[in-house]
Amino acid sequence: MLESLDMRRDVQEIFKMTPHDKQVMMFSATLSKEIRPVCKKFMQDPMEIYVDDEAKLTLHGLVQHYIKLSELEKNRKLNDLLDALDFNQVVIFVKSVSRAAELNKLLMECNFPSICIHSGMSQEERLTRYKGFKEGHKRILVATDLVGRGIDIERVNIVINYDMPDSADTYLHRVGRAGRFGTKGLAITFVSSASDSAVLNQVQERFEVDIKELPEQIDTSTYSMFLCLPFAFD
């Protein structure tokens, strides 16, 4: 969050409105060396606690695969996956506001129960849509990285990276939306360029995980478990 200049300004404004004598705690699954000095500006002589080696960060219970394909093949492959996979709810990540809107429109035209959330919407609209998705009114969410952090929805058991994230850290935050609360999950990443392959290699090296190509058949029991939770479809 603090990597964004606009977000940093917002945090600074919030700090100005709080008492000078206060306790400040910051938590992050990933914290780069570049952003640590920025964090310390908001704290006084902080104690740093690391739960584990960053290289060992991983997501237990999450099955991870990739698919190599061209950009033009993405829509057809996504359609096939949504028809074939057994999901409670799924989050599909894209790299821009325009792609989120276009993909969501395409999915709705194909009669998929889809909704999108991106930074081009007002905060009120985003919260309304998030609440609707969390309550089960829609089963598919198309989103930018705005939804990649701090979003906890128990029904989500599949994440699809329609567009490759820009870094290993962003990948971790995205796929972490699936398989939360001790449940199982599945993450599928589309790889359509040399730069996509480079990021995938970074992910495997950084987190010491072997991500294999998606097989033709995948055992549903490895990523899905029944949840006794009601849906309220529109």
C-alpha atoms as a PDB file:
ATOM      1  CA  MET A   1       0.000   0.000   0.000  1.00  0.00           C
ATOM      2  CA  LEU A   2       2.755   2.445   0.955  1.00  0.00           C
ATOM      3  CA  GLU A   3       4.459   1.772  -2.381  1.00  0.00           C
ATOM      4  CA  SER A   4       1.768   3.953  -3.962  1.00  0.00           C
ATOM      5  CA  LEU A   5       2.461   7.679  -3.626  1.00  0.00           C
ATOM      6  CA  ASP A   6      -1.262   8.488  -3.381  1.00  0.00           C
ATOM      7  CA  MET A   7      -1.770   5.898  -0.654  1.00  0.00           C
ATOM      8  CA  ARG A   8       1.250   7.218   1.210  1.00  0.00           C
ATOM      9  CA  ARG A   9      -0.256  10.692   1.203  1.00  0.00           C
ATOM     10  CA  ASP A  10      -3.553   9.314   2.505  1.00  0.00           C
ATOM     11  CA  VAL A  11      -1.768   7.565   5.375  1.00  0.00           C
ATOM     12  CA  GLN A  12       0.103  10.768   6.185  1.00  0.00           C
ATOM     13  CA  GLU A  13      -3.165  12.699   6.344  1.00  0.00           C
ATOM     14  CA  ILE A  14      -4.657  10.092   8.681  1.00  0.00           C
ATOM     15  CA  PHE A  15      -1.599  10.291  10.928  1.00  0.00           C
ATOM     16  CA  LYS A  16      -1.931  14.059  11.168  1.00  0.00           C
ATOM     17  CA  MET A  17      -5.421  13.622  12.627  1.00  0.00           C
ATOM     18  CA  THR A  18      -4.344  11.119  15.293  1.00  0.00           C
ATOM     19  CA  PRO A  19      -2.672  11.818  18.674  1.00  0.00           C
ATOM     20  CA  HIS A  20       1.096  12.211  18.541  1.00  0.00           C
ATOM     21  CA  ASP A  21       1.537   9.839  21.485  1.00  0.00           C
ATOM     22  CA  LYS A  22       0.229   6.557  20.091  1.00  0.00           C
ATOM     23  CA  GLN A  23       1.227   2.974  19.452  1.00  0.00           C
ATOM     24  CA  VAL A  24       1.615   2.014  15.798  1.00  0.00           C
ATOM     25  CA  MET A  25       1.763  -1.557  14.504  1.00  0.00           C
ATOM     26  CA  MET A  26       2.222  -2.617  10.888  1.00  0.00           C
ATOM     27  CA  PHE A  27       1.630  -6.088   9.504  1.00  0.00           C
ATOM     28  CA  SER A  28       2.451  -7.405   6.041  1.00  0.00           C
ATOM     29  CA  ALA A  29       2.821 -10.804   4.398  1.00  0.00           C
ATOM     30  CA  THR A  30       5.579  -9.279   2.269  1.00  0.00           C
ATOM     31  CA  LEU A  31       7.755  -6.263   3.027  1.00  0.00           C
ATOM     32  CA  SER A  32      10.442  -5.235   0.555  1.00  0.00           C
ATOM     33  CA  LYS A  33      13.745  -3.696   1.627  1.00  0.00           C
ATOM     34  CA  GLU A  34      12.847  -0.562  -0.337  1.00  0.00           C
ATOM     35  CA  ILE A  35       9.610   0.088   1.558  1.00  0.00           C
ATOM     36  CA  ARG A  36      10.919  -0.586   5.085  1.00  0.00           C
ATOM     37  CA  PRO A  37      12.453   2.913   5.499  1.00  0.00           C
ATOM     38  CA  VAL A  38       9.093   4.410   4.490  1.00  0.00           C
ATOM     39  CA  CYS A  39       7.294   2.329   7.134  1.00  0.00           C
ATOM     40  CA  LYS A  40       9.708   3.466   9.822  1.00  0.00           C
ATOM     41  CA  LYS A  41       8.798   7.099   9.151  1.00  0.00           C
ATOM     42  CA  PHE A  42       5.397   6.342  10.679  1.00  0.00           C
ATOM     43  CA  MET A  43       6.868   4.715  13.791  1.00  0.00           C
ATOM     44  CA  GLN A  44       9.308   5.603  16.550  1.00  0.00           C
ATOM     45  CA  ASP A  45      12.167   3.163  17.112  1.00  0.00           C
ATOM     46  CA  PRO A  46      10.026   0.147  16.112  1.00  0.00           C
ATOM     47  CA  MET A  47      10.681  -3.452  17.073  1.00  0.00           C
ATOM     48  CA  GLU A  48      10.744  -5.695  14.005  1.00  0.00           C
ATOM     49  CA  ILE A  49       9.460  -9.267  14.242  1.00  0.00           C
ATOM     50  CA  TYR A  50       9.715 -11.731  11.369  1.00  0.00           C
ATOM     51  CA  VAL A  51       7.554 -14.825  11.708  1.00  0.00           C
ATOM     52  CA  ASP A  52       9.505 -16.822   9.133  1.00  0.00           C
ATOM     53  CA  ASP A  53      12.047 -16.644   6.354  1.00  0.00           C
ATOM     54  CA  GLU A  54      10.515 -14.757   3.403  1.00  0.00           C
ATOM     55  CA  ALA A  55      11.710 -17.474   1.050  1.00  0.00           C
ATOM     56  CA  LYS A  56       9.476 -19.943   2.887  1.00  0.00           C
ATOM     57  CA  LEU A  57       6.281 -17.950   2.409  1.00  0.00           C
ATOM     58  CA  THR A  58       3.714 -20.275   0.893  1.00  0.00           C
ATOM     59  CA  LEU A  59       0.023 -21.082   0.959  1.00  0.00           C
ATOM     60  CA  HIS A  60      -0.906 -24.421   2.471  1.00  0.00           C
ATOM     61  CA  GLY A  61      -3.842 -26.191   0.855  1.00  0.00           C
ATOM     62  CA  LEU A  62      -3.530 -24.201  -2.393  1.00  0.00           C
ATOM     63  CA  VAL A  63      -3.016 -26.102  -5.658  1.00  0.00           C
ATOM     64  CA  GLN A  64      -1.151 -23.958  -8.218  1.00  0.00           C
ATOM     65  CA  HIS A  65      -0.940 -24.436 -12.001  1.00  0.00           C
ATOM     66  CA  TYR A  66      -0.219 -22.405 -15.114  1.00  0.00           C
ATOM     67  CA  ILE A  67      -1.466 -22.514 -18.714  1.00  0.00           C
ATOM     68  CA  LYS A  68       0.630 -21.408 -21.696  1.00  0.00           C
ATOM     69  CA  LEU A  69      -1.497 -19.768 -24.376  1.00  0.00           C
ATOM     70  CA  SER A  70      -1.657 -16.743 -26.653  1.00  0.00           C
ATOM     71  CA  GLU A  71      -3.449 -13.526 -25.732  1.00  0.00           C
ATOM     72  CA  LEU A  72      -6.174 -14.327 -28.267  1.00  0.00           C
ATOM     73  CA  GLU A  73      -6.830 -17.714 -26.648  1.00  0.00           C
ATOM     74  CA  LYS A  74      -7.502 -16.355 -23.160  1.00  0.00           C
ATOM     75  CA  ASN A  75     -11.245 -15.747 -23.450  1.00  0.00           C
ATOM     76  CA  ARG A  76     -12.023 -19.193 -24.855  1.00  0.00           C
ATOM     77  CA  LYS A  77      -9.830 -20.906 -22.271  1.00  0.00           C
ATOM     78  CA  LEU A  78     -11.425 -18.924 -19.440  1.00  0.00           C
ATOM     79  CA  ASN A  79     -14.875 -19.907 -20.684  1.00  0.00           C
ATOM     80  CA  ASP A  80     -13.839 -23.569 -20.776  1.00  0.00           C
ATOM     81  CA  LEU A  81     -12.397 -23.407 -17.249  1.00  0.00           C
ATOM     82  CA  LEU A  82     -15.504 -21.810 -15.774  1.00  0.00           C
ATOM     83  CA  ASP A  83     -17.620 -24.513 -17.402  1.00  0.00           C
ATOM     84  CA  ALA A  84     -15.387 -27.373 -16.246  1.00  0.00           C
ATOM     85  CA  LEU A  85     -14.167 -26.401 -12.765  1.00  0.00           C
ATOM     86  CA  ASP A  86     -16.101 -27.003  -9.568  1.00  0.00           C
ATOM     87  CA  PHE A  87     -16.094 -23.665  -7.773  1.00  0.00           C
ATOM     88  CA  ASN A  88     -18.016 -21.963  -5.005  1.00  0.00           C
ATOM     89  CA  GLN A  89     -16.811 -18.503  -6.021  1.00  0.00           C
ATOM     90  CA  VAL A  90     -13.918 -17.445  -8.228  1.00  0.00           C
ATOM     91  CA  VAL A  91     -11.835 -14.261  -8.488  1.00  0.00           C
ATOM     92  CA  ILE A  92     -10.318 -13.400 -11.883  1.00  0.00           C
ATOM     93  CA  PHE A  93      -7.464 -10.886 -11.827  1.00  0.00           C
ATOM     94  CA  VAL A  94      -6.637  -8.580 -14.747  1.00  0.00           C
ATOM     95  CA  LYS A  95      -4.038  -5.828 -15.137  1.00  0.00           C
ATOM     96  CA  SER A  96      -6.167  -2.764 -15.871  1.00  0.00           C
ATOM     97  CA  VAL A  97      -9.515  -1.070 -15.285  1.00  0.00           C
ATOM     98  CA  SER A  98     -10.477  -1.289 -18.964  1.00  0.00           C
ATOM     99  CA  ARG A  99      -9.720  -5.011 -19.143  1.00  0.00           C
ATOM    100  CA  ALA A 100     -11.758  -5.627 -15.988  1.00  0.00           C
ATOM    101  CA  ALA A 101     -14.789  -3.865 -17.462  1.00  0.00           C
ATOM    102  CA  GLU A 102     -14.447  -5.569 -20.853  1.00  0.00           C
ATOM    103  CA  LEU A 103     -13.971  -9.061 -19.437  1.00  0.00           C
ATOM    104  CA  ASN A 104     -16.863  -8.663 -17.006  1.00  0.00           C
ATOM    105  CA  LYS A 105     -19.107  -7.548 -19.881  1.00  0.00           C
ATOM    106  CA  LEU A 106     -18.055 -10.561 -21.946  1.00  0.00           C
ATOM    107  CA  LEU A 107     -18.754 -12.977 -19.082  1.00  0.00           C
ATOM    108  CA  MET A 108     -22.205 -11.517 -18.497  1.00  0.00           C
ATOM    109  CA  GLU A 109     -22.972 -11.806 -22.217  1.00  0.00           C
ATOM    110  CA  CYS A 110     -22.058 -15.491 -21.897  1.00  0.00           C
ATOM    111  CA  ASN A 111     -24.529 -15.764 -18.986  1.00  0.00           C
ATOM    112  CA  PHE A 112     -21.910 -16.170 -16.270  1.00  0.00           C
ATOM    113  CA  PRO A 113     -22.918 -14.648 -12.874  1.00  0.00           C
ATOM    114  CA  SER A 114     -20.147 -12.038 -12.927  1.00  0.00           C
ATOM    115  CA  ILE A 115     -19.431  -8.681 -11.296  1.00  0.00           C
ATOM    116  CA  CYS A 116     -16.335  -6.466 -11.381  1.00  0.00           C
ATOM    117  CA  ILE A 117     -14.505  -4.185  -8.955  1.00  0.00           C
ATOM    118  CA  HIS A 118     -11.784  -1.724  -9.964  1.00  0.00           C
ATOM    119  CA  SER A 119     -10.313   1.665  -9.065  1.00  0.00           C
ATOM    120  CA  GLY A 120     -12.401   3.463 -11.675  1.00  0.00           C
ATOM    121  CA  MET A 121     -15.427   3.150  -9.379  1.00  0.00           C
ATOM    122  CA  SER A 122     -16.306   5.280  -6.395  1.00  0.00           C
ATOM    123  CA  GLN A 123     -15.508   3.879  -2.960  1.00  0.00           C
ATOM    124  CA  GLU A 124     -19.230   3.536  -2.261  1.00  0.00           C
ATOM    125  CA  GLU A 125     -19.795   1.541  -5.450  1.00  0.00           C
ATOM    126  CA  ARG A 126     -16.819  -0.724  -4.744  1.00  0.00           C
ATOM    127  CA  LEU A 127     -18.050  -1.450  -1.215  1.00  0.00           C
ATOM    128  CA  THR A 128     -21.563  -2.198  -2.474  1.00  0.00           C
ATOM    129  CA  ARG A 129     -20.239  -4.639  -5.062  1.00  0.00           C
ATOM    130  CA  TYR A 130     -17.835  -6.237  -2.593  1.00  0.00           C
ATOM    131  CA  LYS A 131     -20.660  -6.769  -0.107  1.00  0.00           C
ATOM    132  CA  GLY A 132     -22.849  -8.289  -2.817  1.00  0.00           C
ATOM    133  CA  PHE A 133     -20.115 -10.705  -3.856  1.00  0.00           C
ATOM    134  CA  LYS A 134     -19.317 -11.652  -0.266  1.00  0.00           C
ATOM    135  CA  GLU A 135     -22.999 -12.362   0.395  1.00  0.00           C
ATOM    136  CA  GLY A 136     -23.090 -14.692  -2.612  1.00  0.00           C
ATOM    137  CA  HIS A 137     -25.191 -12.639  -5.027  1.00  0.00           C
ATOM    138  CA  LYS A 138     -22.564 -13.328  -7.700  1.00  0.00           C
ATOM    139  CA  ARG A 139     -20.175 -16.263  -8.049  1.00  0.00           C
ATOM    140  CA  ILE A 140     -17.547 -14.630 -10.279  1.00  0.00           C
ATOM    141  CA  LEU A 141     -15.569 -11.484  -9.496  1.00  0.00           C
ATOM    142  CA  VAL A 142     -13.370  -9.779 -12.104  1.00  0.00           C
ATOM    143  CA  ALA A 143     -10.932  -7.431 -10.406  1.00  0.00           C
ATOM    144  CA  THR A 144      -7.700  -5.483 -10.593  1.00  0.00           C
ATOM    145  CA  ASP A 145      -5.037  -5.690  -7.886  1.00  0.00           C
ATOM    146  CA  LEU A 146      -7.238  -3.406  -5.803  1.00  0.00           C
ATOM    147  CA  VAL A 147      -8.798  -6.642  -4.515  1.00  0.00           C
ATOM    148  CA  GLY A 148      -5.471  -8.456  -4.215  1.00  0.00           C
ATOM    149  CA  ARG A 149      -4.887  -7.589  -0.558  1.00  0.00           C
ATOM    150  CA  GLY A 150      -6.936  -7.725   2.611  1.00  0.00           C
ATOM    151  CA  ILE A 151     -10.045  -9.285   1.077  1.00  0.00           C
ATOM    152  CA  ASP A 152     -11.332 -12.339   2.944  1.00  0.00           C
ATOM    153  CA  ILE A 153     -14.245 -14.235   1.409  1.00  0.00           C
ATOM    154  CA  GLU A 154     -14.767 -17.754   2.688  1.00  0.00           C
ATOM    155  CA  ARG A 155     -16.511 -19.106  -0.421  1.00  0.00           C
ATOM    156  CA  VAL A 156     -13.683 -18.260  -2.855  1.00  0.00           C
ATOM    157  CA  ASN A 157     -11.864 -21.466  -3.747  1.00  0.00           C
ATOM    158  CA  ILE A 158     -10.420 -20.533  -7.160  1.00  0.00           C
ATOM    159  CA  VAL A 159      -8.264 -17.630  -8.346  1.00  0.00           C
ATOM    160  CA  ILE A 160      -7.451 -17.166 -12.027  1.00  0.00           C
ATOM    161  CA  ASN A 161      -4.673 -14.822 -13.104  1.00  0.00           C
ATOM    162  CA  TYR A 162      -6.087 -13.844 -16.500  1.00  0.00           C
ATOM    163  CA  ASP A 163      -3.170 -11.396 -16.659  1.00  0.00           C
ATOM    164  CA  MET A 164       0.137 -12.239 -15.004  1.00  0.00           C
ATOM    165  CA  PRO A 165       0.897 -10.047 -11.963  1.00  0.00           C
ATOM    166  CA  ASP A 166       3.923  -7.754 -12.147  1.00  0.00           C
ATOM    167  CA  SER A 167       5.857  -9.387  -9.301  1.00  0.00           C
ATOM    168  CA  ALA A 168       6.166 -12.466  -7.106  1.00  0.00           C
ATOM    169  CA  ASP A 169       4.773 -10.553  -4.127  1.00  0.00           C
ATOM    170  CA  THR A 170       1.670  -9.500  -6.053  1.00  0.00           C
ATOM    171  CA  TYR A 171       1.209 -13.109  -7.159  1.00  0.00           C
ATOM    172  CA  LEU A 172       1.259 -14.264  -3.535  1.00  0.00           C
ATOM    173  CA  HIS A 173      -1.349 -11.705  -2.510  1.00  0.00           C
ATOM    174  CA  ARG A 174      -3.613 -12.526  -5.453  1.00  0.00           C
ATOM    175  CA  VAL A 175      -3.660 -16.304  -5.109  1.00  0.00           C
ATOM    176  CA  GLY A 176      -4.024 -15.911  -1.353  1.00  0.00           C
ATOM    177  CA  ARG A 177      -7.660 -14.953  -1.959  1.00  0.00           C
ATOM    178  CA  ALA A 178      -8.376 -18.678  -2.494  1.00  0.00           C
ATOM    179  CA  GLY A 179      -8.184 -21.421   0.095  1.00  0.00           C
ATOM    180  CA  ARG A 180      -8.530 -19.141   3.105  1.00  0.00           C
ATOM    181  CA  PHE A 181      -9.879 -20.066   6.546  1.00  0.00           C
ATOM    182  CA  GLY A 182      -8.219 -23.486   6.359  1.00  0.00           C
ATOM    183  CA  THR A 183     -10.089 -24.528   3.201  1.00  0.00           C
ATOM    184  CA  LYS A 184      -8.653 -25.840  -0.066  1.00  0.00           C
ATOM    185  CA  GLY A 185      -8.085 -23.731  -3.149  1.00  0.00           C
ATOM    186  CA  LEU A 186      -6.853 -23.632  -6.735  1.00  0.00           C
ATOM    187  CA  ALA A 187      -4.818 -20.937  -8.509  1.00  0.00           C
ATOM    188  CA  ILE A 188      -4.457 -20.930 -12.305  1.00  0.00           C
ATOM    189  CA  THR A 189      -2.197 -18.459 -14.092  1.00  0.00           C
ATOM    190  CA  PHE A 190      -2.288 -17.634 -17.803  1.00  0.00           C
ATOM    191  CA  VAL A 191       1.203 -17.318 -19.317  1.00  0.00           C
ATOM    192  CA  SER A 192       1.214 -15.634 -22.722  1.00  0.00           C
ATOM    193  CA  SER A 193       4.590 -13.898 -23.081  1.00  0.00           C
ATOM    194  CA  ALA A 194       8.265 -14.086 -22.195  1.00  0.00           C
ATOM    195  CA  SER A 195       7.749 -11.530 -19.425  1.00  0.00           C
ATOM    196  CA  ASP A 196       4.939 -13.683 -18.001  1.00  0.00           C
ATOM    197  CA  SER A 197       7.284 -16.672 -17.931  1.00  0.00           C
ATOM    198  CA  ALA A 198       9.926 -14.566 -16.187  1.00  0.00           C
ATOM    199  CA  VAL A 199       7.512 -13.614 -13.390  1.00  0.00           C
ATOM    200  CA  LEU A 200       6.402 -17.245 -13.041  1.00  0.00           C
ATOM    201  CA  ASN A 201      10.045 -18.264 -12.620  1.00  0.00           C
ATOM    202  CA  GLN A 202      10.495 -15.535  -9.994  1.00  0.00           C
ATOM    203  CA  VAL A 203       7.497 -16.884  -8.087  1.00  0.00           C
ATOM    204  CA  GLN A 204       8.880 -20.426  -8.082  1.00  0.00           C
ATOM    205  CA  GLU A 205      12.348 -19.302  -7.003  1.00  0.00           C
ATOM    206  CA  ARG A 206      11.165 -16.812  -4.375  1.00  0.00           C
ATOM    207  CA  PHE A 207       8.724 -19.158  -2.648  1.00  0.00           C
ATOM    208  CA  GLU A 208      10.498 -22.433  -3.482  1.00  0.00           C
ATOM    209  CA  VAL A 209       7.414 -23.925  -5.108  1.00  0.00           C
ATOM    210  CA  ASP A 210       7.086 -26.053  -8.245  1.00  0.00           C
ATOM    211  CA  ILE A 211       4.150 -24.782 -10.306  1.00  0.00           C
ATOM    212  CA  LYS A 212       3.222 -27.284 -12.990  1.00  0.00           C
ATOM    213  CA  GLU A 213       1.209 -26.883 -16.175  1.00  0.00           C
ATOM    214  CA  LEU A 214      -2.520 -27.506 -15.710  1.00  0.00           C
ATOM    215  CA  PRO A 215      -3.288 -31.154 -16.567  1.00  0.00           C
ATOM    216  CA  GLU A 216      -6.206 -32.120 -18.785  1.00  0.00           C
ATOM    217  CA  GLN A 217      -7.942 -33.658 -15.770  1.00  0.00           C
ATOM    218  CA  ILE A 218      -7.699 -32.313 -12.225  1.00  0.00           C
ATOM    219  CA  ASP A 219      -9.035 -34.023  -9.122  1.00  0.00           C
ATOM    220  CA  THR A 220     -11.802 -31.833  -7.702  1.00  0.00           C
ATOM    221  CA  SER A 221     -11.060 -33.035  -4.168  1.00  0.00           C
ATOM    222  CA  THR A 222      -7.629 -31.347  -4.268  1.00  0.00           C
ATOM    223  CA  TYR A 223      -9.068 -27.840  -4.477  1.00  0.00           C
ATOM    224  CA  SER A 224     -12.724 -27.966  -3.500  1.00  0.00           C
ATOM    225  CA  MET A 225     -14.614 -28.765  -0.344  1.00  0.00           C
ATOM    226  CA  PHE A 226     -18.319 -28.445   0.363  1.00  0.00           C
ATOM    227  CA  LEU A 227     -19.343 -25.337   2.264  1.00  0.00           C
ATOM    228  CA  CYS A 228     -22.716 -25.260   3.987  1.00  0.00           C
ATOM    229  CA  LEU A 229     -23.256 -21.611   3.141  1.00  0.00           C
ATOM    230  CA  PRO A 230     -26.285 -20.175   1.328  1.00  0.00           C
ATOM    231  CA  PHE A 231     -26.019 -18.305  -1.962  1.00  0.00           C
ATOM    232  CA  ALA A 232     -28.382 -15.510  -2.892  1.00  0.00           C
ATOM    233  CA  PHE A 233     -28.106 -15.245  -6.659  1.00  0.00           C
ATOM    234  CA  ASP A 234     -29.591 -12.287  -8.500  1.00  0.00           C
END
